[in-house]
Amino acid sequence: MSAENASIEVRQGEELDANAVDACLKANIEGLSGTPTIRQYPSGASNLTYAVEYSGRSLVLRRPPAGSKPKSGHDMGREYRIMNALKNVYAVPKTYYYTEDESIIGAPFYVMEKAQGVLIKGDIPPDWGWGEKEGRKLCTAFFDKLIDLHGIDYQAVGLGDFGKPEGYIERQIIGWNRRYDRARTPDVDAFDDVRDWLKANIPAIEHAPAILHGDFRIDNMILDAKNPFEIRAVLDWEISALGDPLMDLGNTLAYWTEASDPASMRALARQPSHAPGMMKRDEILEYYAQKTRRDVSNFSFYYAYGIWRLAVILQQIYYRFYHGQTKNAAFSDFAKGVNGLGQYCRTVIEKG
């Protein structure tokens, strides 16, 4: 199979001190030998992810980006903890080490195993020869994995104190609105109407809390190389939480672009949601409701929230680029994307 999670040379300004990393890891992880080779994974626009290759051992190191960051948006300890808690009940990579000591590489970081398999970024590889049957099978496996996550007893796996699920929706709306204020640059709209609508339409009753991934996308999944319908590992748990599971579904469907979506949405496509056989958003919503027995009649709120949250995330990233805190040129046109998403959010609200 041609899909792979290929690494690149470390980007300028995002280098690690290889000697410091080597000394730290050898002191805390058994069985490492030789001199490591450190490269970077190019995907992702938030935390920085590195391939650390020893002789016969492949590790992955995750750290926050440089520059201005939301207080709880890049919590390495949180990401490390939830993967540890889920290791016996869910598909997550094995974790090895976490430290808050910023003297080693200038930030907290953790190290996990490199999950073996394939990663689909963008389109399904043409040489796979897939049609509608295979697309539907992957789509179903993907959303079944989200449903499985929402069905885990978070108390039983030791995550009872992972957060405060009560009032989660209101905290999210208020929190993302504030983050937008802090990250706003002169070239984006204020979107006061969108923010006011979300705050005024917070559901009075929340669904029973569940574990929320927060960034559930196909390009955050490692698939089995021989059976790509089997999800071997779910990655990127940096904004996981406990709360209303429809908030997680809203986030997931905000990433699930369709051919009829506006250009601002389609430009952000990172997964093959448009491929033959993939379910449309309304089909997914019906499937989720049937499998979970949750009431989705007010889903327009959760979907609008997901679009708005995505706009704020892009703006936070763009803020760092705008102020010269990152040199990644891929972020240079994010203001256009933020304005487009905000406008689409208005459309969703009007159609609600």
Protein backbone atom coordinates (compact mmCIF):
# COMPACT_ATOMS: atom_id res chain seq x y z
CA MET A 1 0.00 0.00 0.00
CA SER A 2 1.24 3.46 -0.85
CA ALA A 3 -0.15 5.44 2.08
CA GLU A 4 2.42 6.11 4.76
CA ASN A 5 3.24 8.56 7.49
CA ALA A 6 6.48 9.86 5.99
CA SER A 7 8.80 12.16 7.92
CA ILE A 8 10.78 15.12 6.65
CA GLU A 9 13.87 17.04 7.70
CA VAL A 10 13.09 19.11 10.79
CA ARG A 11 11.74 22.55 9.83
CA GLN A 12 13.88 25.59 10.55
CA GLY A 13 13.16 26.97 14.01
CA GLU A 14 11.62 23.69 15.25
CA GLU A 15 14.84 21.75 15.83
CA LEU A 16 15.41 19.59 18.92
CA ASP A 17 18.64 19.22 20.91
CA ALA A 18 19.44 15.66 19.84
CA ASN A 19 22.00 15.12 22.60
CA ALA A 20 19.58 16.26 25.29
CA VAL A 21 16.79 14.09 23.89
CA ASP A 22 19.09 11.07 23.66
CA ALA A 23 20.36 11.42 27.23
CA CYS A 24 16.85 11.87 28.62
CA LEU A 25 15.32 8.95 26.77
CA LYS A 26 18.13 6.52 27.55
CA ALA A 27 17.80 7.42 31.23
CA ASN A 28 14.06 6.71 31.23
CA ILE A 29 13.31 4.11 28.54
CA GLU A 30 14.98 0.71 28.61
CA GLY A 31 16.60 -0.90 25.61
CA LEU A 32 17.72 2.15 23.63
CA SER A 33 21.11 2.03 21.99
CA GLY A 34 23.07 3.96 19.42
CA THR A 35 22.62 7.54 18.27
CA PRO A 36 19.09 8.57 17.38
CA THR A 37 18.04 10.10 14.09
CA ILE A 38 15.43 12.82 14.56
CA ARG A 39 13.07 13.85 11.80
CA GLN A 40 9.71 15.62 11.80
CA TYR A 41 6.21 14.66 10.73
CA PRO A 42 4.84 17.43 8.48
CA SER A 43 1.14 16.81 9.08
CA GLY A 44 -0.74 18.66 11.77
CA ALA A 45 -0.90 22.38 12.43
CA SER A 46 -0.73 22.38 16.20
CA ASN A 47 1.61 20.28 18.33
CA LEU A 48 4.96 19.35 16.85
CA THR A 49 5.60 15.65 16.23
CA TYR A 50 9.00 14.04 15.65
CA ALA A 51 10.24 10.62 14.55
CA VAL A 52 13.04 9.48 16.87
CA GLU A 53 14.73 6.45 15.35
CA TYR A 54 17.11 4.24 17.32
CA SER A 55 18.64 1.00 16.14
CA GLY A 56 15.67 -1.34 15.94
CA ARG A 57 13.37 1.03 17.81
CA SER A 58 10.99 3.66 16.41
CA LEU A 59 9.64 6.29 18.79
CA VAL A 60 7.52 9.41 18.41
CA LEU A 61 8.06 12.59 20.43
CA ARG A 62 5.32 15.22 20.86
CA ARG A 63 5.75 18.76 22.14
CA PRO A 64 3.77 22.02 22.00
CA PRO A 65 4.52 24.64 19.34
CA ALA A 66 6.54 27.74 20.09
CA GLY A 67 4.95 31.11 20.64
CA SER A 68 1.62 32.18 22.09
CA LYS A 69 -0.57 29.23 23.07
CA PRO A 70 -3.98 28.82 24.73
CA LYS A 71 -3.59 27.84 28.37
CA SER A 72 -5.04 24.34 28.01
CA GLY A 73 -4.72 23.78 24.27
CA HIS A 74 -1.37 21.98 24.20
CA ASP A 75 -1.32 20.02 27.45
CA MET A 76 1.16 17.20 26.92
CA GLY A 77 0.40 15.71 30.32
CA ARG A 78 -3.29 15.50 29.47
CA GLU A 79 -2.65 13.77 26.16
CA TYR A 80 -0.22 11.34 27.80
CA ARG A 81 -2.63 10.54 30.63
CA ILE A 82 -5.66 9.70 28.52
CA MET A 83 -3.70 7.36 26.26
CA ASN A 84 -2.39 5.56 29.34
CA ALA A 85 -5.94 5.23 30.69
CA LEU A 86 -7.30 3.87 27.40
CA LYS A 87 -4.47 1.46 26.55
CA ASN A 88 -6.39 -1.67 27.57
CA VAL A 89 -9.79 -0.71 26.14
CA TYR A 90 -9.15 1.34 23.02
CA ALA A 91 -6.78 1.67 20.06
CA VAL A 92 -4.03 4.03 21.24
CA PRO A 93 -0.22 3.96 20.91
CA LYS A 94 1.83 2.68 23.84
CA THR A 95 3.25 5.56 25.86
CA TYR A 96 6.72 5.49 27.44
CA TYR A 97 7.68 8.79 29.03
CA TYR A 98 6.41 12.26 29.91
CA THR A 99 8.14 15.25 31.48
CA GLU A 100 7.23 18.81 32.36
CA ASP A 101 10.93 19.72 32.59
CA GLU A 102 11.32 22.43 29.97
CA SER A 103 15.10 22.55 30.38
CA ILE A 104 15.54 19.52 28.11
CA ILE A 105 14.06 20.81 24.83
CA GLY A 106 12.39 24.05 25.92
CA ALA A 107 8.90 22.60 26.49
CA PRO A 108 7.10 19.67 28.12
CA PHE A 109 7.01 16.57 25.93
CA TYR A 110 6.11 12.92 25.87
CA VAL A 111 7.30 9.88 23.96
CA MET A 112 5.24 7.00 22.61
CA GLU A 113 5.68 4.04 20.29
CA LYS A 114 5.39 4.54 16.56
CA ALA A 115 2.13 2.82 15.65
CA GLN A 116 2.75 0.58 12.66
CA GLY A 117 0.37 0.83 9.73
CA VAL A 118 -0.80 3.28 7.08
CA LEU A 119 -2.09 6.82 7.35
CA ILE A 120 -4.50 8.28 4.81
CA LYS A 121 -3.97 12.00 4.28
CA GLY A 122 -6.34 13.56 1.79
CA ASP A 123 -7.42 11.05 -0.83
CA ILE A 124 -7.53 7.27 -0.70
CA PRO A 125 -4.50 6.08 -2.70
CA PRO A 126 -5.60 5.31 -6.28
CA ASP A 127 -3.53 2.09 -6.38
CA TRP A 128 -5.77 0.62 -3.68
CA GLY A 129 -8.45 0.30 -6.35
CA TRP A 130 -11.29 1.08 -3.96
CA GLY A 131 -14.89 1.63 -4.95
CA GLU A 132 -18.09 2.47 -3.08
CA LYS A 133 -18.11 -0.80 -1.13
CA GLU A 134 -14.68 -0.22 0.37
CA GLY A 135 -15.35 3.47 1.01
CA ARG A 136 -18.51 2.65 2.93
CA LYS A 137 -16.72 -0.05 4.92
CA LEU A 138 -13.98 2.37 6.02
CA CYS A 139 -16.52 5.10 6.78
CA THR A 140 -18.56 2.73 8.95
CA ALA A 141 -15.45 1.51 10.79
CA PHE A 142 -14.42 5.10 11.41
CA PHE A 143 -17.71 6.19 12.97
CA ASP A 144 -18.06 2.93 14.86
CA LYS A 145 -14.73 3.81 16.46
CA LEU A 146 -16.11 7.17 17.57
CA ILE A 147 -19.25 5.48 18.91
CA ASP A 148 -17.06 2.98 20.79
CA LEU A 149 -15.15 5.84 22.40
CA HIS A 150 -18.38 7.53 23.50
CA GLY A 151 -19.47 4.24 25.07
CA ILE A 152 -16.44 3.73 27.33
CA ASP A 153 -17.08 4.00 31.07
CA TYR A 154 -14.66 6.81 31.87
CA GLN A 155 -14.97 6.17 35.60
CA ALA A 156 -13.95 2.54 35.15
CA VAL A 157 -10.73 3.46 33.30
CA GLY A 158 -9.64 5.96 35.94
CA LEU A 159 -10.72 9.19 34.26
CA GLY A 160 -13.33 10.25 36.79
CA ASP A 161 -11.29 13.34 37.63
CA PHE A 162 -10.15 14.04 34.07
CA GLY A 163 -12.42 17.07 33.89
CA LYS A 164 -15.77 18.54 34.86
CA PRO A 165 -18.36 17.20 32.41
CA GLU A 166 -21.23 19.16 33.94
CA GLY A 167 -21.58 22.50 32.20
CA TYR A 168 -19.15 21.42 29.48
CA ILE A 169 -21.14 22.96 26.62
CA GLU A 170 -21.35 26.41 28.18
CA ARG A 171 -17.65 26.37 29.08
CA GLN A 172 -16.77 25.45 25.51
CA ILE A 173 -18.84 28.21 23.96
CA ILE A 174 -17.57 30.87 26.35
CA GLY A 175 -14.02 29.54 26.13
CA TRP A 176 -13.79 29.46 22.33
CA ASN A 177 -15.35 32.92 22.09
CA ARG A 178 -12.71 34.28 24.47
CA ARG A 179 -9.92 32.51 22.61
CA TYR A 180 -11.04 34.17 19.42
CA ASP A 181 -10.88 37.59 21.06
CA ARG A 182 -7.34 36.90 22.29
CA ALA A 183 -6.15 35.58 18.93
CA ARG A 184 -7.96 37.98 16.62
CA THR A 185 -5.89 39.86 14.03
CA PRO A 186 -6.97 42.94 12.01
CA ASP A 187 -7.65 40.91 8.86
CA VAL A 188 -10.49 38.76 10.24
CA ASP A 189 -14.12 39.59 11.01
CA ALA A 190 -15.30 39.86 14.63
CA PHE A 191 -18.25 37.48 14.03
CA ASP A 192 -20.09 38.88 17.04
CA ASP A 193 -23.38 37.55 15.65
CA VAL A 194 -22.09 33.98 15.51
CA ARG A 195 -20.69 34.12 19.01
CA ASP A 196 -23.86 35.67 20.42
CA TRP A 197 -26.04 33.04 18.75
CA LEU A 198 -24.03 30.15 20.13
CA LYS A 199 -24.15 31.58 23.63
CA ALA A 200 -27.91 32.24 23.43
CA ASN A 201 -28.69 28.74 22.11
CA ILE A 202 -26.76 26.55 24.55
CA PRO A 203 -28.96 23.46 25.14
CA ALA A 204 -30.68 23.44 28.51
CA ILE A 205 -30.04 19.71 28.96
CA GLU A 206 -26.75 17.95 28.25
CA HIS A 207 -26.39 14.33 27.18
CA ALA A 208 -24.75 11.94 29.64
CA PRO A 209 -21.02 12.65 29.59
CA ALA A 210 -18.54 10.59 27.60
CA ILE A 211 -14.87 10.67 26.66
CA LEU A 212 -14.43 13.16 23.81
CA HIS A 213 -11.49 12.99 21.44
CA GLY A 214 -11.93 16.52 20.09
CA ASP A 215 -10.11 15.99 16.78
CA PHE A 216 -11.57 12.76 15.41
CA ARG A 217 -10.56 12.52 11.74
CA ILE A 218 -9.47 9.74 9.40
CA ASP A 219 -6.06 11.39 9.05
CA ASN A 220 -5.61 10.91 12.81
CA MET A 221 -5.97 7.14 12.43
CA ILE A 222 -3.28 4.52 11.81
CA LEU A 223 -4.85 1.73 9.74
CA ASP A 224 -3.68 -1.85 9.56
CA ALA A 225 -1.46 -2.28 6.51
CA LYS A 226 -3.04 -5.62 5.54
CA ASN A 227 -6.60 -4.74 6.54
CA PRO A 228 -7.11 -0.96 6.29
CA PHE A 229 -10.66 -1.29 7.65
CA GLU A 230 -9.10 -2.04 11.04
CA ILE A 231 -8.05 1.06 13.00
CA ARG A 232 -4.87 0.19 14.89
CA ALA A 233 -4.33 3.51 16.66
CA VAL A 234 -6.13 6.80 17.20
CA LEU A 235 -3.71 9.73 17.47
CA ASP A 236 -3.73 13.37 18.63
CA TRP A 237 -5.54 13.44 21.99
CA GLU A 238 -4.40 16.94 22.92
CA ILE A 239 -7.90 18.42 23.32
CA SER A 240 -9.65 15.35 24.71
CA ALA A 241 -12.17 15.92 27.50
CA LEU A 242 -15.26 14.65 29.28
CA GLY A 243 -18.56 16.11 28.17
CA ASP A 244 -21.61 15.90 25.93
CA PRO A 245 -20.73 13.44 23.11
CA LEU A 246 -22.69 15.45 20.54
CA MET A 247 -20.07 18.17 20.95
CA ASP A 248 -17.50 15.63 19.73
CA LEU A 249 -19.74 14.58 16.85
CA GLY A 250 -20.21 18.26 15.94
CA ASN A 251 -16.44 18.69 15.79
CA THR A 252 -16.05 15.54 13.71
CA LEU A 253 -18.69 16.53 11.17
CA ALA A 254 -17.21 20.02 10.93
CA TYR A 255 -14.19 18.30 9.36
CA TRP A 256 -16.38 16.02 7.20
CA THR A 257 -16.53 18.04 3.99
CA GLU A 258 -18.84 17.33 1.07
CA ALA A 259 -18.81 18.38 -2.57
CA SER A 260 -21.64 20.87 -2.01
CA ASP A 261 -19.82 22.70 0.79
CA PRO A 262 -18.43 26.20 0.17
CA ALA A 263 -14.86 26.57 -0.99
CA SER A 264 -13.70 27.64 2.49
CA MET A 265 -14.76 24.24 3.84
CA ARG A 266 -13.47 22.15 0.94
CA ALA A 267 -10.09 23.89 1.12
CA LEU A 268 -9.60 22.49 4.60
CA ALA A 269 -10.27 18.86 3.63
CA ARG A 270 -7.70 16.55 5.21
CA GLN A 271 -9.50 13.23 4.85
CA PRO A 272 -11.35 11.33 2.09
CA SER A 273 -14.87 12.19 3.25
CA HIS A 274 -15.76 12.86 -0.39
CA ALA A 275 -14.65 9.42 -1.65
CA PRO A 276 -17.16 7.02 -3.25
CA GLY A 277 -19.16 5.16 -0.62
CA MET A 278 -18.58 7.62 2.18
CA MET A 279 -21.74 8.60 4.04
CA LYS A 280 -23.05 12.15 3.88
CA ARG A 281 -23.37 14.12 7.11
CA ASP A 282 -27.11 13.54 7.37
CA GLU A 283 -26.59 9.79 6.91
CA ILE A 284 -23.89 9.81 9.58
CA LEU A 285 -26.14 11.63 12.00
CA GLU A 286 -28.89 9.08 11.45
CA TYR A 287 -26.40 6.21 11.85
CA TYR A 288 -25.02 7.67 15.07
CA ALA A 289 -28.51 8.19 16.49
CA GLN A 290 -29.55 4.63 15.69
CA LYS A 291 -26.42 3.12 17.23
CA THR A 292 -26.36 5.26 20.39
CA ARG A 293 -30.07 6.08 20.93
CA ARG A 294 -29.08 9.69 21.58
CA ASP A 295 -31.40 12.54 20.62
CA VAL A 296 -29.89 14.47 17.71
CA SER A 297 -32.89 16.68 16.92
CA ASN A 298 -31.00 19.86 17.90
CA PHE A 299 -27.83 18.97 16.04
CA SER A 300 -27.62 22.25 14.13
CA PHE A 301 -26.29 23.84 17.34
CA TYR A 302 -23.52 21.23 17.70
CA TYR A 303 -22.57 21.49 14.04
CA ALA A 304 -22.43 25.29 14.16
CA TYR A 305 -20.27 24.99 17.26
CA GLY A 306 -17.93 22.59 15.45
CA ILE A 307 -17.51 24.99 12.52
CA TRP A 308 -16.90 27.94 14.83
CA ARG A 309 -14.40 26.03 16.96
CA LEU A 310 -12.51 25.08 13.81
CA ALA A 311 -12.41 28.75 12.79
CA VAL A 312 -10.97 29.70 16.18
CA ILE A 313 -8.35 26.94 16.01
CA LEU A 314 -7.23 28.24 12.61
CA GLN A 315 -7.12 31.77 13.98
CA GLN A 316 -4.95 30.71 16.91
CA ILE A 317 -2.51 29.12 14.50
CA TYR A 318 -2.64 32.14 12.18
CA TYR A 319 -2.00 34.46 15.14
CA ARG A 320 1.37 32.80 15.70
CA PHE A 321 2.24 33.18 12.01
CA TYR A 322 0.99 36.79 11.87
CA HIS A 323 3.26 37.72 14.80
CA GLY A 324 6.27 35.82 13.49
CA GLN A 325 6.18 33.11 16.14
CA THR A 326 6.24 30.36 13.48
CA LYS A 327 7.74 30.39 10.00
CA ASN A 328 5.53 27.64 8.53
CA ALA A 329 4.33 29.19 5.26
CA ALA A 330 1.36 26.82 5.17
CA PHE A 331 -0.33 29.11 7.72
CA SER A 332 0.01 32.30 5.65
CA ASP A 333 -3.52 32.26 4.18
CA PHE A 334 -5.36 31.03 7.28
CA ALA A 335 -7.09 34.40 7.75
CA LYS A 336 -9.00 33.76 4.53
CA GLY A 337 -10.01 30.37 5.87
CA VAL A 338 -11.16 31.85 9.18
CA ASN A 339 -13.37 34.39 7.43
CA GLY A 340 -14.79 31.69 5.18
CA LEU A 341 -15.60 29.37 8.06
CA GLY A 342 -17.22 32.16 10.03
CA GLN A 343 -19.43 32.99 7.07
CA TYR A 344 -20.35 29.33 6.64
CA CYS A 345 -21.25 29.22 10.32
CA ARG A 346 -23.69 32.04 9.66
CA THR A 347 -25.22 29.97 6.86
CA VAL A 348 -25.60 26.94 9.14
CA ILE A 349 -27.29 29.10 11.77
CA GLU A 350 -29.70 30.60 9.23
CA LYS A 351 -30.66 27.16 7.92
CA GLY A 352 -30.86 25.70 11.46
